[in-house]
Amino acid sequence: MQRAALEFVEKVDALTSADAVMDQFGAALRMRGIEYYVFGFVAFPTETFADVTLASRLPAGLADAYHERDLVHHDPALRHAQRTALPFRWLKEAPYDPDAEPRAQEVVNFMRDFGLVDGMVFPFTTIASRLGQVWLGGPPLDLPKRELPPLHMMAFYAFDRVLQIKGVETQAIITLTPREREALVLNADGKTADEIGEALNVSERTVRAYHEQARRKLGAGNLSQAVAMAMRQRMI
């Protein structure tokens, strides 16, 4: 799975249109039984769903109806994306009170009407610290936990590539030390912190320190995002 993610990154890097990136990402998702997905930002109070959507592949009629009903400001998944940097299952792990929040329940019912009952959200901090997110979903997912880090990497890289194609730069130039780069490269190759420590002849604790230093420098929410961002900027 990790190797497939790296091959995906190489393919996406050569693409020159947002549609091509979305199609490539969609092909990777369909292999995992996922049909629908959206790239966008978490909306500010004055923004609509149309304002914050970069690209999407959704059931016919969903985007227009979601926009017309102004559901973007009541979606529990998008709200939860502002509280965590980690991937989460939308609806299952995006808390809301159906009695106190009838419009949040309206979002849930609306999505189910279109056959969207399960999925993932990958939050990303991007341009000027604005929050972006990749949402994907459909019928109930059978997604092993081991597949989440590489899928997270693919989601971030595809999202970032769409921004780049549209002329929006997401990160300033950052410098990583040689050891920080080596630690990221070995992580991208699927190595554990313990295995990386053996390869670099350092302790597992030191490896985790390299990863944390790189993550902070890059402004990434987690290690998977740090790897993707370093690859995006040709650091590794």
Protein backbone atom coordinates (compact mmCIF):
# COMPACT_ATOMS: atom_id res chain seq x y z
CA MET A 1 0.00 0.00 0.00
CA GLN A 2 2.83 2.41 0.85
CA ARG A 3 4.52 1.69 -2.48
CA ALA A 4 1.22 2.29 -4.29
CA ALA A 5 0.98 5.69 -2.57
CA LEU A 6 4.46 6.65 -3.79
CA GLU A 7 3.60 5.56 -7.33
CA PHE A 8 0.42 7.62 -7.08
CA VAL A 9 2.45 10.68 -6.10
CA GLU A 10 4.72 10.25 -9.12
CA LYS A 11 1.72 10.02 -11.47
CA VAL A 12 -0.07 13.02 -9.96
CA ASP A 13 3.07 15.13 -10.10
CA ALA A 14 3.10 14.79 -13.89
CA LEU A 15 -0.54 15.87 -14.34
CA THR A 16 -1.37 19.37 -15.53
CA SER A 17 -5.12 19.72 -14.94
CA ALA A 18 -7.27 19.54 -11.82
CA ASP A 19 -9.67 17.16 -13.60
CA ALA A 20 -6.82 14.77 -14.34
CA VAL A 21 -5.75 14.82 -10.68
CA MET A 22 -9.32 14.14 -9.56
CA ASP A 23 -9.63 11.28 -12.02
CA GLN A 24 -6.35 9.74 -10.82
CA PHE A 25 -7.43 10.07 -7.19
CA GLY A 26 -10.81 8.59 -8.05
CA ALA A 27 -9.18 5.55 -9.65
CA ALA A 28 -7.23 4.93 -6.43
CA LEU A 29 -10.39 5.31 -4.35
CA ARG A 30 -12.50 2.99 -6.48
CA MET A 31 -10.02 0.21 -5.76
CA ARG A 32 -11.12 0.63 -2.14
CA GLY A 33 -14.83 0.79 -2.88
CA ILE A 34 -15.10 4.59 -2.61
CA GLU A 35 -16.92 6.47 -5.35
CA TYR A 36 -17.42 10.07 -4.21
CA TYR A 37 -15.06 12.78 -2.98
CA VAL A 38 -14.65 16.54 -2.55
CA PHE A 39 -11.64 18.84 -2.27
CA GLY A 40 -12.34 22.15 -0.57
CA PHE A 41 -11.95 24.51 2.35
CA VAL A 42 -13.89 24.77 5.58
CA ALA A 43 -16.26 27.69 4.95
CA PHE A 44 -16.06 31.04 6.67
CA PRO A 45 -19.45 32.35 7.90
CA THR A 46 -20.03 34.42 4.75
CA GLU A 47 -19.03 31.67 2.29
CA THR A 48 -21.20 29.12 0.52
CA PHE A 49 -20.45 25.53 -0.44
CA ALA A 50 -19.83 26.69 -4.01
CA ASP A 51 -17.32 29.28 -2.76
CA VAL A 52 -15.15 26.74 -0.95
CA THR A 53 -15.32 23.75 -3.30
CA LEU A 54 -12.15 23.33 -5.37
CA ALA A 55 -13.15 20.14 -7.18
CA SER A 56 -15.57 17.30 -6.58
CA ARG A 57 -17.03 14.03 -7.77
CA LEU A 58 -20.49 13.70 -6.19
CA PRO A 59 -23.86 12.08 -7.00
CA ALA A 60 -25.86 14.03 -9.56
CA GLY A 61 -27.78 16.89 -7.96
CA LEU A 62 -26.14 16.68 -4.55
CA ALA A 63 -23.86 19.71 -4.82
CA ASP A 64 -26.63 22.05 -6.04
CA ALA A 65 -29.09 20.87 -3.38
CA TYR A 66 -26.47 21.06 -0.60
CA HIS A 67 -25.64 24.60 -1.71
CA GLU A 68 -29.27 25.72 -1.98
CA ARG A 69 -30.09 24.44 1.51
CA ASP A 70 -26.97 26.12 2.96
CA LEU A 71 -25.90 22.93 4.69
CA VAL A 72 -22.18 23.75 4.67
CA HIS A 73 -22.51 25.74 7.92
CA HIS A 74 -24.32 22.92 9.71
CA ASP A 75 -22.31 19.90 8.58
CA PRO A 76 -20.96 18.09 11.68
CA ALA A 77 -18.08 16.63 9.67
CA LEU A 78 -16.82 20.04 8.55
CA ARG A 79 -17.15 21.36 12.08
CA HIS A 80 -15.15 18.45 13.46
CA ALA A 81 -12.45 19.07 10.82
CA GLN A 82 -11.72 22.35 12.62
CA ARG A 83 -10.98 20.50 15.86
CA THR A 84 -8.53 17.84 14.73
CA ALA A 85 -5.57 17.41 12.39
CA LEU A 86 -6.17 13.66 12.23
CA PRO A 87 -8.30 11.75 9.69
CA PHE A 88 -11.70 10.72 11.02
CA ARG A 89 -14.77 8.79 9.96
CA TRP A 90 -17.45 11.28 9.15
CA LEU A 91 -20.76 10.90 10.93
CA LYS A 92 -19.37 8.10 13.14
CA GLU A 93 -16.64 10.30 14.63
CA ALA A 94 -18.09 13.76 14.01
CA PRO A 95 -20.25 14.36 17.10
CA TYR A 96 -23.50 16.31 17.09
CA ASP A 97 -26.72 16.39 19.12
CA PRO A 98 -29.68 15.53 16.87
CA ASP A 99 -32.16 17.06 19.33
CA ALA A 100 -30.28 20.31 19.94
CA GLU A 101 -28.96 20.59 16.38
CA PRO A 102 -31.81 19.85 13.96
CA ARG A 103 -29.92 21.28 11.00
CA ALA A 104 -26.97 18.97 11.66
CA GLN A 105 -29.45 16.09 11.62
CA GLU A 106 -30.79 17.53 8.37
CA VAL A 107 -27.29 17.22 6.87
CA VAL A 108 -27.05 13.58 7.98
CA ASN A 109 -30.47 12.73 6.53
CA PHE A 110 -29.66 14.60 3.34
CA MET A 111 -26.44 12.66 2.77
CA ARG A 112 -28.16 9.35 3.46
CA ASP A 113 -30.82 10.20 0.88
CA PHE A 114 -28.00 10.26 -1.67
CA GLY A 115 -26.60 6.94 -0.45
CA LEU A 116 -23.69 8.49 1.46
CA VAL A 117 -23.61 6.75 4.83
CA ASP A 118 -19.92 6.37 5.60
CA GLY A 119 -16.59 7.92 4.67
CA MET A 120 -13.45 9.73 5.77
CA VAL A 121 -12.39 13.33 6.21
CA PHE A 122 -8.73 14.35 5.93
CA PRO A 123 -8.19 17.88 7.33
CA PHE A 124 -5.22 19.91 6.09
CA THR A 125 -3.81 23.25 7.19
CA THR A 126 -2.95 25.10 4.01
CA ILE A 127 -2.74 28.58 2.54
CA ALA A 128 -2.20 31.23 5.21
CA SER A 129 -3.21 28.63 7.82
CA ARG A 130 -6.61 28.18 6.18
CA LEU A 131 -8.18 24.79 6.77
CA GLY A 132 -8.66 22.56 3.76
CA GLN A 133 -10.18 19.11 3.68
CA VAL A 134 -10.59 16.08 1.48
CA TRP A 135 -13.91 14.36 2.05
CA LEU A 136 -14.68 10.94 0.62
CA GLY A 137 -17.60 8.61 1.08
CA GLY A 138 -20.33 6.29 -0.12
CA PRO A 139 -21.71 3.02 1.27
CA PRO A 140 -20.23 1.48 4.45
CA LEU A 141 -16.43 1.34 4.18
CA ASP A 142 -14.18 -1.61 4.80
CA LEU A 143 -10.94 0.30 5.29
CA PRO A 144 -8.23 -1.33 7.44
CA LYS A 145 -6.33 1.06 9.72
CA ARG A 146 -3.04 0.20 8.00
CA GLU A 147 -4.37 1.80 4.81
CA LEU A 148 -5.09 5.17 6.42
CA PRO A 149 -1.53 6.66 6.41
CA PRO A 150 -0.88 6.01 2.69
CA LEU A 151 -4.42 7.09 1.79
CA HIS A 152 -3.86 10.24 3.84
CA MET A 153 -0.68 10.90 1.89
CA MET A 154 -2.46 10.45 -1.43
CA ALA A 155 -5.33 12.71 -0.37
CA PHE A 156 -3.00 15.49 0.72
CA TYR A 157 -0.81 15.25 -2.37
CA ALA A 158 -3.78 15.29 -4.73
CA PHE A 159 -5.33 18.22 -2.85
CA ASP A 160 -2.06 20.14 -2.89
CA ARG A 161 -1.53 19.41 -6.58
CA VAL A 162 -4.97 20.82 -7.40
CA LEU A 163 -4.07 24.00 -5.51
CA GLN A 164 -0.77 24.22 -7.35
CA ILE A 165 -2.43 23.76 -10.75
CA LYS A 166 -4.95 26.46 -9.89
CA GLY A 167 -2.09 28.81 -9.07
CA VAL A 168 -2.32 28.73 -5.29
CA GLU A 169 0.95 28.06 -3.48
CA THR A 170 0.48 26.30 -0.17
CA GLN A 171 3.85 26.47 1.57
CA ALA A 172 6.89 28.69 1.91
CA ILE A 173 10.36 27.24 1.33
CA ILE A 174 11.47 25.19 4.32
CA THR A 175 14.87 23.64 5.10
CA LEU A 176 15.14 20.17 6.63
CA THR A 177 18.33 18.65 7.98
CA PRO A 178 19.79 15.59 6.19
CA ARG A 179 18.71 13.31 9.06
CA GLU A 180 15.18 14.73 9.06
CA ARG A 181 14.97 14.04 5.33
CA GLU A 182 16.34 10.52 5.75
CA ALA A 183 13.82 9.78 8.48
CA LEU A 184 10.95 10.97 6.26
CA VAL A 185 12.19 8.98 3.27
CA LEU A 186 12.34 5.77 5.29
CA ASN A 187 8.89 6.44 6.74
CA ALA A 188 7.55 6.94 3.22
CA ASP A 189 9.03 3.55 2.35
CA GLY A 190 6.90 1.97 5.06
CA LYS A 191 9.55 1.59 7.77
CA THR A 192 8.59 1.81 11.45
CA ALA A 193 10.40 4.17 13.83
CA ASP A 194 12.29 1.20 15.26
CA GLU A 195 13.41 0.05 11.79
CA ILE A 196 14.41 3.58 10.85
CA GLY A 197 16.47 3.81 14.03
CA GLU A 198 18.35 0.64 13.08
CA ALA A 199 18.98 1.96 9.57
CA LEU A 200 20.29 5.31 10.85
CA ASN A 201 22.03 3.83 13.89
CA VAL A 202 20.06 6.00 16.32
CA SER A 203 17.40 5.31 18.94
CA GLU A 204 13.70 5.08 18.19
CA ARG A 205 13.24 8.16 20.37
CA THR A 206 15.67 10.11 18.18
CA VAL A 207 13.79 9.02 15.06
CA ARG A 208 10.55 10.30 16.54
CA ALA A 209 12.32 13.58 17.34
CA TYR A 210 13.45 13.88 13.69
CA HIS A 211 9.89 13.28 12.54
CA GLU A 212 8.46 15.80 14.98
CA GLN A 213 11.02 18.45 14.02
CA ALA A 214 10.25 17.95 10.34
CA ARG A 215 6.52 18.03 10.97
CA ARG A 216 6.76 21.31 12.87
CA LYS A 217 9.00 22.94 10.26
CA LEU A 218 6.60 21.97 7.49
CA GLY A 219 3.51 23.00 9.44
CA ALA A 220 1.99 19.55 8.92
CA GLY A 221 -0.76 18.16 11.09
CA ASN A 222 0.82 14.72 11.29
CA LEU A 223 3.61 12.57 9.90
CA SER A 224 1.79 11.41 6.77
CA GLN A 225 1.11 15.01 5.81
CA ALA A 226 4.73 15.94 6.53
CA VAL A 227 5.96 13.23 4.16
CA ALA A 228 3.60 14.40 1.41
CA MET A 229 4.57 18.05 1.90
CA ALA A 230 8.28 17.21 1.78
CA MET A 231 7.74 15.28 -1.44
CA ARG A 232 5.70 18.17 -2.87
CA GLN A 233 8.60 20.57 -2.29
CA ARG A 234 11.20 18.10 -3.60
CA MET A 235 12.88 17.81 -0.21
CA ILE A 236 12.76 14.04 -0.42
